[in-house]
Amino acid sequence: MVLISGINILDQWVVKAALQYHFYGIGPNVAARLCAKLSIHPTARLSSLSHPTVTALTFEMSKLKLDTDLKKELTDNLERLRDLGTYRGRRHAQGLPVRGQKTKKQVMCARRLNCLNRRG
């Protein structure tokens, strides 16, 4: 097990995939950029990383806005839109499509996806 930013991750994970899977806010581009910055091969496993590399990776990740901070920022932005009474804020509050999608047939999917308290 490797401890990165307070989360234990199994040694068998590929570094790029582990970052994307275990941390909200790290996608393919950010994970690739982190690996390139620390000279980690794209297919390297966590078991092959040295302790200083893991420490440097944790330090670089501490500079990013991840998990709860990022989710808090998203909910604050949605609350701001709702308080201002904008069209987007009202659509979010009603759980309807926000970006101009049609609502005649596929509104149920939009109601699931556009709710304020998203999962994940």
PDB file of N, CA and C in Angstrom:
ATOM      1  N   MET A   1       0.836  -1.181   0.000  1.00  0.00           N
ATOM      2  CA  MET A   1       0.000   0.000   0.000  1.00  0.00           C
ATOM      3  C   MET A   1       0.881   1.245   0.000  1.00  0.00           C
ATOM      4  N   VAL A   2       0.447   2.210  -0.798  1.00  0.00           N
ATOM      5  CA  VAL A   2       1.157   3.487  -0.895  1.00  0.00           C
ATOM      6  C   VAL A   2       0.215   4.568  -0.388  1.00  0.00           C
ATOM      7  N   LEU A   3       0.706   5.443   0.460  1.00  0.00           N
ATOM      8  CA  LEU A   3      -0.088   6.523   1.023  1.00  0.00           C
ATOM      9  C   LEU A   3       0.169   7.807   0.229  1.00  0.00           C
ATOM     10  N   ILE A   4      -0.868   8.264  -0.488  1.00  0.00           N
ATOM     11  CA  ILE A   4      -0.766   9.501  -1.255  1.00  0.00           C
ATOM     12  C   ILE A   4      -1.872  10.429  -0.781  1.00  0.00           C
ATOM     13  N   SER A   5      -1.506  11.565  -0.240  1.00  0.00           N
ATOM     14  CA  SER A   5      -2.458  12.576   0.244  1.00  0.00           C
ATOM     15  C   SER A   5      -3.486  11.988   1.207  1.00  0.00           C
ATOM     16  N   GLY A   6      -3.026  11.114   2.074  1.00  0.00           N
ATOM     17  CA  GLY A   6      -3.905  10.560   3.095  1.00  0.00           C
ATOM     18  C   GLY A   6      -4.768   9.401   2.646  1.00  0.00           C
ATOM     19  N   ILE A   7      -4.575   8.876   1.445  1.00  0.00           N
ATOM     20  CA  ILE A   7      -5.368   7.766   0.938  1.00  0.00           C
ATOM     21  C   ILE A   7      -4.437   6.597   0.631  1.00  0.00           C
ATOM     22  N   ASN A   8      -4.751   5.422   1.179  1.00  0.00           N
ATOM     23  CA  ASN A   8      -3.982   4.221   0.899  1.00  0.00           C
ATOM     24  C   ASN A   8      -4.425   3.638  -0.433  1.00  0.00           C
ATOM     25  N   ILE A   9      -3.469   3.411  -1.317  1.00  0.00           N
ATOM     26  CA  ILE A   9      -3.743   2.868  -2.643  1.00  0.00           C
ATOM     27  C   ILE A   9      -2.892   1.621  -2.827  1.00  0.00           C
ATOM     28  N   LEU A  10      -3.477   0.587  -3.424  1.00  0.00           N
ATOM     29  CA  LEU A  10      -2.755  -0.663  -3.649  1.00  0.00           C
ATOM     30  C   LEU A  10      -1.578  -0.453  -4.593  1.00  0.00           C
ATOM     31  N   ASP A  11      -0.515  -1.257  -4.392  1.00  0.00           N
ATOM     32  CA  ASP A  11       0.710  -1.129  -5.182  1.00  0.00           C
ATOM     33  C   ASP A  11       0.516  -1.479  -6.647  1.00  0.00           C
ATOM     34  N   GLN A  12      -0.468  -2.294  -6.960  1.00  0.00           N
ATOM     35  CA  GLN A  12      -0.615  -2.792  -8.326  1.00  0.00           C
ATOM     36  C   GLN A  12      -1.211  -1.767  -9.290  1.00  0.00           C
ATOM     37  N   TRP A  13      -1.724  -0.652  -8.800  1.00  0.00           N
ATOM     38  CA  TRP A  13      -2.330   0.369  -9.655  1.00  0.00           C
ATOM     39  C   TRP A  13      -1.274   1.059 -10.511  1.00  0.00           C
ATOM     40  N   VAL A  14      -1.641   1.396 -11.747  1.00  0.00           N
ATOM     41  CA  VAL A  14      -0.823   2.278 -12.578  1.00  0.00           C
ATOM     42  C   VAL A  14      -1.003   3.689 -12.006  1.00  0.00           C
ATOM     43  N   VAL A  15       0.056   4.460 -11.948  1.00  0.00           N
ATOM     44  CA  VAL A  15       0.040   5.756 -11.263  1.00  0.00           C
ATOM     45  C   VAL A  15      -1.038   6.674 -11.842  1.00  0.00           C
ATOM     46  N   LYS A  16      -1.068   6.802 -13.155  1.00  0.00           N
ATOM     47  CA  LYS A  16      -2.024   7.710 -13.796  1.00  0.00           C
ATOM     48  C   LYS A  16      -3.462   7.282 -13.503  1.00  0.00           C
ATOM     49  N   ALA A  17      -3.746   6.001 -13.589  1.00  0.00           N
ATOM     50  CA  ALA A  17      -5.101   5.499 -13.329  1.00  0.00           C
ATOM     51  C   ALA A  17      -5.470   5.656 -11.859  1.00  0.00           C
ATOM     52  N   ALA A  18      -4.520   5.454 -10.966  1.00  0.00           N
ATOM     53  CA  ALA A  18      -4.791   5.586  -9.534  1.00  0.00           C
ATOM     54  C   ALA A  18      -5.155   7.025  -9.178  1.00  0.00           C
ATOM     55  N   LEU A  19      -4.450   7.978  -9.772  1.00  0.00           N
ATOM     56  CA  LEU A  19      -4.748   9.377  -9.496  1.00  0.00           C
ATOM     57  C   LEU A  19      -6.146   9.738  -9.985  1.00  0.00           C
ATOM     58  N   GLN A  20      -6.506   9.258 -11.177  1.00  0.00           N
ATOM     59  CA  GLN A  20      -7.821   9.571 -11.726  1.00  0.00           C
ATOM     60  C   GLN A  20      -8.934   8.914 -10.927  1.00  0.00           C
ATOM     61  N   TYR A  21      -8.716   7.714 -10.458  1.00  0.00           N
ATOM     62  CA  TYR A  21      -9.766   6.954  -9.789  1.00  0.00           C
ATOM     63  C   TYR A  21      -9.995   7.418  -8.352  1.00  0.00           C
ATOM     64  N   HIS A  22      -8.928   7.703  -7.632  1.00  0.00           N
ATOM     65  CA  HIS A  22      -9.034   7.953  -6.195  1.00  0.00           C
ATOM     66  C   HIS A  22      -9.209   9.419  -5.812  1.00  0.00           C
ATOM     67  N   PHE A  23      -8.979  10.354  -6.736  1.00  0.00           N
ATOM     68  CA  PHE A  23      -9.050  11.765  -6.381  1.00  0.00           C
ATOM     69  C   PHE A  23     -10.019  12.495  -7.295  1.00  0.00           C
ATOM     70  N   TYR A  24     -11.058  13.087  -6.708  1.00  0.00           N
ATOM     71  CA  TYR A  24     -12.023  13.880  -7.453  1.00  0.00           C
ATOM     72  C   TYR A  24     -11.349  15.165  -7.893  1.00  0.00           C
ATOM     73  N   GLY A  25     -11.411  15.458  -9.164  1.00  0.00           N
ATOM     74  CA  GLY A  25     -10.796  16.665  -9.686  1.00  0.00           C
ATOM     75  C   GLY A  25      -9.535  16.405 -10.487  1.00  0.00           C
ATOM     76  N   ILE A  26      -9.084  15.151 -10.529  1.00  0.00           N
ATOM     77  CA  ILE A  26      -7.929  14.805 -11.352  1.00  0.00           C
ATOM     78  C   ILE A  26      -8.429  13.947 -12.501  1.00  0.00           C
ATOM     79  N   GLY A  27      -8.318  14.490 -13.696  1.00  0.00           N
ATOM     80  CA  GLY A  27      -8.720  13.776 -14.898  1.00  0.00           C
ATOM     81  C   GLY A  27      -7.490  13.302 -15.656  1.00  0.00           C
ATOM     82  N   PRO A  28      -7.698  12.844 -16.891  1.00  0.00           N
ATOM     83  CA  PRO A  28      -6.568  12.325 -17.666  1.00  0.00           C
ATOM     84  C   PRO A  28      -5.479  13.364 -17.935  1.00  0.00           C
ATOM     85  N   ASN A  29      -5.875  14.594 -18.231  1.00  0.00           N
ATOM     86  CA  ASN A  29      -4.871  15.614 -18.549  1.00  0.00           C
ATOM     87  C   ASN A  29      -4.060  16.016 -17.328  1.00  0.00           C
ATOM     88  N   VAL A  30      -4.713  16.207 -16.207  1.00  0.00           N
ATOM     89  CA  VAL A  30      -3.999  16.608 -14.985  1.00  0.00           C
ATOM     90  C   VAL A  30      -3.083  15.478 -14.516  1.00  0.00           C
ATOM     91  N   ALA A  31      -3.573  14.229 -14.594  1.00  0.00           N
ATOM     92  CA  ALA A  31      -2.743  13.095 -14.192  1.00  0.00           C
ATOM     93  C   ALA A  31      -1.518  12.966 -15.091  1.00  0.00           C
ATOM     94  N   ALA A  32      -1.706  13.149 -16.388  1.00  0.00           N
ATOM     95  CA  ALA A  32      -0.570  13.076 -17.316  1.00  0.00           C
ATOM     96  C   ALA A  32       0.422  14.203 -17.054  1.00  0.00           C
ATOM     97  N   ARG A  33      -0.097  15.397 -16.741  1.00  0.00           N
ATOM     98  CA  ARG A  33       0.782  16.531 -16.450  1.00  0.00           C
ATOM     99  C   ARG A  33       1.580  16.292 -15.167  1.00  0.00           C
ATOM    100  N   LEU A  34       0.938  15.728 -14.148  1.00  0.00           N
ATOM    101  CA  LEU A  34       1.659  15.420 -12.905  1.00  0.00           C
ATOM    102  C   LEU A  34       2.751  14.383 -13.141  1.00  0.00           C
ATOM    103  N   CYS A  35       2.418  13.340 -13.906  1.00  0.00           N
ATOM    104  CA  CYS A  35       3.412  12.306 -14.189  1.00  0.00           C
ATOM    105  C   CYS A  35       4.577  12.867 -15.003  1.00  0.00           C
ATOM    106  N   ALA A  36       4.274  13.737 -15.961  1.00  0.00           N
ATOM    107  CA  ALA A  36       5.348  14.325 -16.770  1.00  0.00           C
ATOM    108  C   ALA A  36       6.226  15.251 -15.934  1.00  0.00           C
ATOM    109  N   LYS A  37       5.611  15.994 -15.039  1.00  0.00           N
ATOM    110  CA  LYS A  37       6.370  16.930 -14.209  1.00  0.00           C
ATOM    111  C   LYS A  37       7.335  16.202 -13.285  1.00  0.00           C
ATOM    112  N   LEU A  38       6.923  15.012 -12.806  1.00  0.00           N
ATOM    113  CA  LEU A  38       7.764  14.256 -11.884  1.00  0.00           C
ATOM    114  C   LEU A  38       8.560  13.157 -12.579  1.00  0.00           C
ATOM    115  N   SER A  39       8.538  13.134 -13.914  1.00  0.00           N
ATOM    116  CA  SER A  39       9.260  12.141 -14.722  1.00  0.00           C
ATOM    117  C   SER A  39       8.848  10.714 -14.371  1.00  0.00           C
ATOM    118  N   ILE A  40       7.549  10.494 -14.295  1.00  0.00           N
ATOM    119  CA  ILE A  40       7.009   9.154 -14.041  1.00  0.00           C
ATOM    120  C   ILE A  40       6.505   8.616 -15.368  1.00  0.00           C
ATOM    121  N   HIS A  41       6.906   7.406 -15.722  1.00  0.00           N
ATOM    122  CA  HIS A  41       6.478   6.791 -16.973  1.00  0.00           C
ATOM    123  C   HIS A  41       4.966   6.567 -16.944  1.00  0.00           C
ATOM    124  N   PRO A  42       4.277   6.749 -18.082  1.00  0.00           N
ATOM    125  CA  PRO A  42       2.806   6.618 -18.092  1.00  0.00           C
ATOM    126  C   PRO A  42       2.292   5.250 -17.648  1.00  0.00           C
ATOM    127  N   THR A  43       3.086   4.193 -17.826  1.00  0.00           N
ATOM    128  CA  THR A  43       2.631   2.862 -17.433  1.00  0.00           C
ATOM    129  C   THR A  43       3.286   2.369 -16.144  1.00  0.00           C
ATOM    130  N   ALA A  44       3.918   3.265 -15.398  1.00  0.00           N
ATOM    131  CA  ALA A  44       4.586   2.876 -14.152  1.00  0.00           C
ATOM    132  C   ALA A  44       3.556   2.541 -13.078  1.00  0.00           C
ATOM    133  N   ARG A  45       3.876   1.552 -12.281  1.00  0.00           N
ATOM    134  CA  ARG A  45       2.993   1.161 -11.178  1.00  0.00           C
ATOM    135  C   ARG A  45       3.452   1.839  -9.896  1.00  0.00           C
ATOM    136  N   LEU A  46       2.532   1.931  -8.945  1.00  0.00           N
ATOM    137  CA  LEU A  46       2.863   2.596  -7.680  1.00  0.00           C
ATOM    138  C   LEU A  46       3.978   1.871  -6.936  1.00  0.00           C
ATOM    139  N   SER A  47       4.082   0.547  -7.109  1.00  0.00           N
ATOM    140  CA  SER A  47       5.121  -0.208  -6.407  1.00  0.00           C
ATOM    141  C   SER A  47       6.518   0.165  -6.895  1.00  0.00           C
ATOM    142  N   SER A  48       6.628   0.699  -8.124  1.00  0.00           N
ATOM    143  CA  SER A  48       7.946   1.039  -8.657  1.00  0.00           C
ATOM    144  C   SER A  48       8.405   2.447  -8.262  1.00  0.00           C
ATOM    145  N   LEU A  49       7.543   3.218  -7.613  1.00  0.00           N
ATOM    146  CA  LEU A  49       7.916   4.579  -7.225  1.00  0.00           C
ATOM    147  C   LEU A  49       8.754   4.572  -5.958  1.00  0.00           C
ATOM    148  N   SER A  50       9.745   5.447  -5.920  1.00  0.00           N
ATOM    149  CA  SER A  50      10.559   5.581  -4.715  1.00  0.00           C
ATOM    150  C   SER A  50       9.839   6.490  -3.716  1.00  0.00           C
ATOM    151  N   HIS A  51      10.295   6.446  -2.490  1.00  0.00           N
ATOM    152  CA  HIS A  51       9.663   7.253  -1.448  1.00  0.00           C
ATOM    153  C   HIS A  51       9.756   8.756  -1.737  1.00  0.00           C
ATOM    154  N   PRO A  52      10.910   9.273  -2.205  1.00  0.00           N
ATOM    155  CA  PRO A  52      10.961  10.709  -2.537  1.00  0.00           C
ATOM    156  C   PRO A  52       9.995  11.093  -3.662  1.00  0.00           C
ATOM    157  N   THR A  53       9.786  10.191  -4.616  1.00  0.00           N
ATOM    158  CA  THR A  53       8.853  10.478  -5.705  1.00  0.00           C
ATOM    159  C   THR A  53       7.423  10.549  -5.187  1.00  0.00           C
ATOM    160  N   VAL A  54       7.072   9.651  -4.277  1.00  0.00           N
ATOM    161  CA  VAL A  54       5.737   9.669  -3.683  1.00  0.00           C
ATOM    162  C   VAL A  54       5.545  10.944  -2.872  1.00  0.00           C
ATOM    163  N   THR A  55       6.573  11.352  -2.153  1.00  0.00           N
ATOM    164  CA  THR A  55       6.508  12.590  -1.380  1.00  0.00           C
ATOM    165  C   THR A  55       6.349  13.801  -2.301  1.00  0.00           C
ATOM    166  N   ALA A  56       7.088  13.811  -3.406  1.00  0.00           N
ATOM    167  CA  ALA A  56       6.978  14.916  -4.364  1.00  0.00           C
ATOM    168  C   ALA A  56       5.592  14.936  -5.006  1.00  0.00           C
ATOM    169  N   LEU A  57       5.037  13.755  -5.289  1.00  0.00           N
ATOM    170  CA  LEU A  57       3.698  13.671  -5.866  1.00  0.00           C
ATOM    171  C   LEU A  57       2.651  14.204  -4.894  1.00  0.00           C
ATOM    172  N   THR A  58       2.782  13.852  -3.632  1.00  0.00           N
ATOM    173  CA  THR A  58       1.865  14.360  -2.604  1.00  0.00           C
ATOM    174  C   THR A  58       1.981  15.872  -2.477  1.00  0.00           C
ATOM    175  N   PHE A  59       3.205  16.393  -2.556  1.00  0.00           N
ATOM    176  CA  PHE A  59       3.413  17.835  -2.474  1.00  0.00           C
ATOM    177  C   PHE A  59       2.767  18.555  -3.653  1.00  0.00           C
ATOM    178  N   GLU A  60       2.937  18.010  -4.862  1.00  0.00           N
ATOM    179  CA  GLU A  60       2.337  18.626  -6.051  1.00  0.00           C
ATOM    180  C   GLU A  60       0.812  18.575  -5.978  1.00  0.00           C
ATOM    181  N   MET A  61       0.267  17.498  -5.436  1.00  0.00           N
ATOM    182  CA  MET A  61      -1.183  17.375  -5.332  1.00  0.00           C
ATOM    183  C   MET A  61      -1.748  18.308  -4.267  1.00  0.00           C
ATOM    184  N   SER A  62      -0.940  18.657  -3.274  1.00  0.00           N
ATOM    185  CA  SER A  62      -1.419  19.568  -2.234  1.00  0.00           C
ATOM    186  C   SER A  62      -1.638  20.980  -2.792  1.00  0.00           C
ATOM    187  N   LYS A  63      -1.006  21.295  -3.909  1.00  0.00           N
ATOM    188  CA  LYS A  63      -1.184  22.602  -4.535  1.00  0.00           C
ATOM    189  C   LYS A  63      -2.508  22.684  -5.299  1.00  0.00           C
ATOM    190  N   LEU A  64      -3.066  21.524  -5.680  1.00  0.00           N
ATOM    191  CA  LEU A  64      -4.292  21.490  -6.473  1.00  0.00           C
ATOM    192  C   LEU A  64      -5.519  21.575  -5.584  1.00  0.00           C
ATOM    193  N   LYS A  65      -6.611  22.020  -6.169  1.00  0.00           N
ATOM    194  CA  LYS A  65      -7.887  22.045  -5.463  1.00  0.00           C
ATOM    195  C   LYS A  65      -8.585  20.723  -5.772  1.00  0.00           C
ATOM    196  N   LEU A  66      -8.726  19.869  -4.754  1.00  0.00           N
ATOM    197  CA  LEU A  66      -9.265  18.522  -4.956  1.00  0.00           C
ATOM    198  C   LEU A  66     -10.400  18.241  -3.994  1.00  0.00           C
ATOM    199  N   ASP A  67     -11.120  17.166  -4.267  1.00  0.00           N
ATOM    200  CA  ASP A  67     -12.142  16.563  -3.423  1.00  0.00           C
ATOM    201  C   ASP A  67     -13.091  17.575  -2.793  1.00  0.00           C
ATOM    202  N   THR A  68     -13.068  17.713  -1.483  1.00  0.00           N
ATOM    203  CA  THR A  68     -14.080  18.507  -0.790  1.00  0.00           C
ATOM    204  C   THR A  68     -13.989  19.992  -1.140  1.00  0.00           C
ATOM    205  N   ASP A  69     -12.782  20.502  -1.330  1.00  0.00           N
ATOM    206  CA  ASP A  69     -12.645  21.915  -1.702  1.00  0.00           C
ATOM    207  C   ASP A  69     -13.278  22.187  -3.063  1.00  0.00           C
ATOM    208  N   LEU A  70     -13.050  21.289  -4.006  1.00  0.00           N
ATOM    209  CA  LEU A  70     -13.601  21.459  -5.345  1.00  0.00           C
ATOM    210  C   LEU A  70     -15.118  21.305  -5.343  1.00  0.00           C
ATOM    211  N   LYS A  71     -15.624  20.315  -4.600  1.00  0.00           N
ATOM    212  CA  LYS A  71     -17.078  20.128  -4.509  1.00  0.00           C
ATOM    213  C   LYS A  71     -17.738  21.324  -3.842  1.00  0.00           C
ATOM    214  N   LYS A  72     -17.088  21.879  -2.823  1.00  0.00           N
ATOM    215  CA  LYS A  72     -17.620  23.058  -2.145  1.00  0.00           C
ATOM    216  C   LYS A  72     -17.680  24.244  -3.096  1.00  0.00           C
ATOM    217  N   GLU A  73     -16.646  24.411  -3.911  1.00  0.00           N
ATOM    218  CA  GLU A  73     -16.635  25.501  -4.873  1.00  0.00           C
ATOM    219  C   GLU A  73     -17.765  25.345  -5.900  1.00  0.00           C
ATOM    220  N   LEU A  74     -17.997  24.117  -6.364  1.00  0.00           N
ATOM    221  CA  LEU A  74     -19.072  23.888  -7.325  1.00  0.00           C
ATOM    222  C   LEU A  74     -20.438  24.200  -6.726  1.00  0.00           C
ATOM    223  N   THR A  75     -20.682  23.747  -5.505  1.00  0.00           N
ATOM    224  CA  THR A  75     -21.978  24.024  -4.886  1.00  0.00           C
ATOM    225  C   THR A  75     -22.131  25.517  -4.588  1.00  0.00           C
ATOM    226  N   ASP A  76     -21.040  26.187  -4.217  1.00  0.00           N
ATOM    227  CA  ASP A  76     -21.104  27.636  -3.991  1.00  0.00           C
ATOM    228  C   ASP A  76     -21.446  28.380  -5.275  1.00  0.00           C
ATOM    229  N   ASN A  77     -20.869  27.936  -6.394  1.00  0.00           N
ATOM    230  CA  ASN A  77     -21.178  28.569  -7.675  1.00  0.00           C
ATOM    231  C   ASN A  77     -22.647  28.381  -8.044  1.00  0.00           C
ATOM    232  N   LEU A  78     -23.178  27.178  -7.814  1.00  0.00           N
ATOM    233  CA  LEU A  78     -24.585  26.935  -8.117  1.00  0.00           C
ATOM    234  C   LEU A  78     -25.491  27.740  -7.196  1.00  0.00           C
ATOM    235  N   GLU A  79     -25.136  27.835  -5.925  1.00  0.00           N
ATOM    236  CA  GLU A  79     -25.921  28.641  -4.980  1.00  0.00           C
ATOM    237  C   GLU A  79     -25.898  30.118  -5.373  1.00  0.00           C
ATOM    238  N   ARG A  80     -24.749  30.598  -5.846  1.00  0.00           N
ATOM    239  CA  ARG A  80     -24.637  31.981  -6.289  1.00  0.00           C
ATOM    240  C   ARG A  80     -25.565  32.238  -7.470  1.00  0.00           C
ATOM    241  N   LEU A  81     -25.582  31.300  -8.422  1.00  0.00           N
ATOM    242  CA  LEU A  81     -26.474  31.452  -9.577  1.00  0.00           C
ATOM    243  C   LEU A  81     -27.937  31.447  -9.146  1.00  0.00           C
ATOM    244  N   ARG A  82     -28.275  30.596  -8.183  1.00  0.00           N
ATOM    245  CA  ARG A  82     -29.654  30.545  -7.700  1.00  0.00           C
ATOM    246  C   ARG A  82     -30.028  31.833  -6.976  1.00  0.00           C
ATOM    247  N   ASP A  83     -29.133  32.353  -6.152  1.00  0.00           N
ATOM    248  CA  ASP A  83     -29.426  33.570  -5.394  1.00  0.00           C
ATOM    249  C   ASP A  83     -29.568  34.790  -6.306  1.00  0.00           C
ATOM    250  N   LEU A  84     -28.794  34.826  -7.381  1.00  0.00           N
ATOM    251  CA  LEU A  84     -28.898  35.929  -8.327  1.00  0.00           C
ATOM    252  C   LEU A  84     -30.177  35.854  -9.154  1.00  0.00           C
ATOM    253  N   GLY A  85     -30.764  34.662  -9.209  1.00  0.00           N
ATOM    254  CA  GLY A  85     -31.995  34.496  -9.975  1.00  0.00           C
ATOM    255  C   GLY A  85     -31.760  34.384 -11.467  1.00  0.00           C
ATOM    256  N   THR A  86     -30.583  33.947 -11.862  1.00  0.00           N
ATOM    257  CA  THR A  86     -30.297  33.811 -13.282  1.00  0.00           C
ATOM    258  C   THR A  86     -31.067  32.643 -13.873  1.00  0.00           C
ATOM    259  N   TYR A  87     -31.139  32.608 -15.188  1.00  0.00           N
ATOM    260  CA  TYR A  87     -31.825  31.522 -15.879  1.00  0.00           C
ATOM    261  C   TYR A  87     -31.180  30.182 -15.536  1.00  0.00           C
ATOM    262  N   ARG A  88     -29.850  30.143 -15.587  1.00  0.00           N
ATOM    263  CA  ARG A  88     -29.145  28.902 -15.255  1.00  0.00           C
ATOM    264  C   ARG A  88     -29.410  28.472 -13.827  1.00  0.00           C
ATOM    265  N   GLY A  89     -29.441  29.429 -12.904  1.00  0.00           N
ATOM    266  CA  GLY A  89     -29.704  29.098 -11.511  1.00  0.00           C
ATOM    267  C   GLY A  89     -31.093  28.534 -11.308  1.00  0.00           C
ATOM    268  N   ARG A  90     -32.085  29.115 -11.984  1.00  0.00           N
ATOM    269  CA  ARG A  90     -33.448  28.591 -11.867  1.00  0.00           C
ATOM    270  C   ARG A  90     -33.558  27.196 -12.453  1.00  0.00           C
ATOM    271  N   ARG A  91     -32.888  26.970 -13.591  1.00  0.00           N
ATOM    272  CA  ARG A  91     -32.941  25.642 -14.212  1.00  0.00           C
ATOM    273  C   ARG A  91     -32.267  24.603 -13.314  1.00  0.00           C
ATOM    274  N   HIS A  92     -31.160  24.968 -12.681  1.00  0.00           N
ATOM    275  CA  HIS A  92     -30.516  24.054 -11.732  1.00  0.00           C
ATOM    276  C   HIS A  92     -31.442  23.754 -10.568  1.00  0.00           C
ATOM    277  N   ALA A  93     -32.106  24.785 -10.055  1.00  0.00           N
ATOM    278  CA  ALA A  93     -32.983  24.605  -8.904  1.00  0.00           C
ATOM    279  C   ALA A  93     -34.161  23.695  -9.239  1.00  0.00           C
ATOM    280  N   GLN A  94     -34.667  23.784 -10.462  1.00  0.00           N
ATOM    281  CA  GLN A  94     -35.789  22.948 -10.870  1.00  0.00           C
ATOM    282  C   GLN A  94     -35.355  21.567 -11.313  1.00  0.00           C
ATOM    283  N   GLY A  95     -34.041  21.369 -11.499  1.00  0.00           N
ATOM    284  CA  GLY A  95     -33.547  20.083 -11.950  1.00  0.00           C
ATOM    285  C   GLY A  95     -33.786  19.843 -13.422  1.00  0.00           C
ATOM    286  N   LEU A  96     -33.886  20.907 -14.201  1.00  0.00           N
ATOM    287  CA  LEU A  96     -34.127  20.804 -15.636  1.00  0.00           C
ATOM    288  C   LEU A  96     -32.824  21.019 -16.404  1.00  0.00           C
ATOM    289  N   PRO A  97     -32.800  20.697 -17.704  1.00  0.00           N
ATOM    290  CA  PRO A  97     -31.581  20.918 -18.490  1.00  0.00           C
ATOM    291  C   PRO A  97     -31.170  22.385 -18.477  1.00  0.00           C
ATOM    292  N   VAL A  98     -29.882  22.621 -18.358  1.00  0.00           N
ATOM    293  CA  VAL A  98     -29.366  23.967 -18.172  1.00  0.00           C
ATOM    294  C   VAL A  98     -28.823  24.554 -19.470  1.00  0.00           C
ATOM    295  N   ARG A  99     -28.291  23.730 -20.336  1.00  0.00           N
ATOM    296  CA  ARG A  99     -27.543  24.233 -21.493  1.00  0.00           C
ATOM    297  C   ARG A  99     -28.318  24.137 -22.802  1.00  0.00           C
ATOM    298  N   GLY A 100     -29.623  24.337 -22.767  1.00  0.00           N
ATOM    299  CA  GLY A 100     -30.395  24.438 -23.986  1.00  0.00           C
ATOM    300  C   GLY A 100     -30.862  23.131 -24.578  1.00  0.00           C
ATOM    301  N   GLN A 101     -30.781  22.025 -23.812  1.00  0.00           N
ATOM    302  CA  GLN A 101     -31.239  20.760 -24.343  1.00  0.00           C
ATOM    303  C   GLN A 101     -32.756  20.748 -24.445  1.00  0.00           C
ATOM    304  N   LYS A 102     -33.272  19.859 -25.290  1.00  0.00           N
ATOM    305  CA  LYS A 102     -34.711  19.697 -25.435  1.00  0.00           C
ATOM    306  C   LYS A 102     -35.273  19.025 -24.190  1.00  0.00           C
ATOM    307  N   THR A 103     -36.537  19.331 -23.870  1.00  0.00           N
ATOM    308  CA  THR A 103     -37.132  18.754 -22.665  1.00  0.00           C
ATOM    309  C   THR A 103     -38.370  17.923 -22.958  1.00  0.00           C
ATOM    310  N   LYS A 104     -38.721  17.767 -24.221  1.00  0.00           N
ATOM    311  CA  LYS A 104     -39.958  17.063 -24.522  1.00  0.00           C
ATOM    312  C   LYS A 104     -39.861  15.579 -24.160  1.00  0.00           C
ATOM    313  N   LYS A 105     -38.747  14.936 -24.474  1.00  0.00           N
ATOM    314  CA  LYS A 105     -38.655  13.493 -24.267  1.00  0.00           C
ATOM    315  C   LYS A 105     -37.628  13.078 -23.229  1.00  0.00           C
ATOM    316  N   GLN A 106     -36.499  13.730 -23.161  1.00  0.00           N
ATOM    317  CA  GLN A 106     -35.430  13.227 -22.300  1.00  0.00           C
ATOM    318  C   GLN A 106     -35.242  14.047 -21.026  1.00  0.00           C
ATOM    319  N   VAL A 107     -36.289  14.639 -20.507  1.00  0.00           N
ATOM    320  CA  VAL A 107     -36.147  15.466 -19.316  1.00  0.00           C
ATOM    321  C   VAL A 107     -35.865  14.623 -18.068  1.00  0.00           C
ATOM    322  N   MET A 108     -36.285  13.376 -18.033  1.00  0.00           N
ATOM    323  CA  MET A 108     -36.049  12.561 -16.835  1.00  0.00           C
ATOM    324  C   MET A 108     -34.561  12.325 -16.614  1.00  0.00           C
ATOM    325  N   CYS A 109     -33.830  12.114 -17.676  1.00  0.00           N
ATOM    326  CA  CYS A 109     -32.382  11.946 -17.547  1.00  0.00           C
ATOM    327  C   CYS A 109     -31.757  13.240 -17.035  1.00  0.00           C
ATOM    328  N   ALA A 110     -32.227  14.356 -17.541  1.00  0.00           N
ATOM    329  CA  ALA A 110     -31.692  15.647 -17.106  1.00  0.00           C
ATOM    330  C   ALA A 110     -32.026  15.902 -15.647  1.00  0.00           C
ATOM    331  N   ARG A 111     -33.185  15.493 -15.189  1.00  0.00           N
ATOM    332  CA  ARG A 111     -33.528  15.671 -13.778  1.00  0.00           C
ATOM    333  C   ARG A 111     -32.580  14.879 -12.887  1.00  0.00           C
ATOM    334  N   ARG A 112     -32.159  13.719 -13.347  1.00  0.00           N
ATOM    335  CA  ARG A 112     -31.211  12.918 -12.566  1.00  0.00           C
ATOM    336  C   ARG A 112     -29.839  13.573 -12.532  1.00  0.00           C
ATOM    337  N   LEU A 113     -29.403  14.118 -13.661  1.00  0.00           N
ATOM    338  CA  LEU A 113     -28.031  14.599 -13.766  1.00  0.00           C
ATOM    339  C   LEU A 113     -27.826  16.015 -13.263  1.00  0.00           C
ATOM    340  N   ASN A 114     -28.851  16.853 -13.255  1.00  0.00           N
ATOM    341  CA  ASN A 114     -28.670  18.261 -12.934  1.00  0.00           C
ATOM    342  C   ASN A 114     -29.081  18.632 -11.522  1.00  0.00           C
ATOM    343  N   CYS A 115     -29.238  17.690 -10.628  1.00  0.00           N
ATOM    344  CA  CYS A 115     -29.634  18.045  -9.274  1.00  0.00           C
ATOM    345  C   CYS A 115     -28.442  18.646  -8.517  1.00  0.00           C
ATOM    346  N   LEU A 116     -28.730  19.466  -7.526  1.00  0.00           N
ATOM    347  CA  LEU A 116     -27.679  20.172  -6.803  1.00  0.00           C
ATOM    348  C   LEU A 116     -26.781  19.232  -6.013  1.00  0.00           C
ATOM    349  N   ASN A 117     -27.356  18.278  -5.352  1.00  0.00           N
ATOM    350  CA  ASN A 117     -26.567  17.369  -4.514  1.00  0.00           C
ATOM    351  C   ASN A 117     -26.139  16.176  -5.335  1.00  0.00           C
ATOM    352  N   ARG A 118     -25.166  16.396  -6.207  1.00  0.00           N
ATOM    353  CA  ARG A 118     -24.699  15.335  -7.065  1.00  0.00           C
ATOM    354  C   ARG A 118     -23.907  14.333  -6.281  1.00  0.00           C
ATOM    355  N   ARG A 119     -23.941  13.110  -6.752  1.00  0.00           N
ATOM    356  CA  ARG A 119     -23.136  12.051  -6.167  1.00  0.00           C
ATOM    357  C   ARG A 119     -21.830  12.000  -6.946  1.00  0.00           C
ATOM    358  N   GLY A 120     -20.693  11.821  -6.242  1.00  0.00           N
ATOM    359  CA  GLY A 120     -19.433  11.636  -6.945  1.00  0.00           C
ATOM    360  C   GLY A 120     -18.644  12.820  -6.944  1.00  0.00           C
TER     361      GLY A 120
END
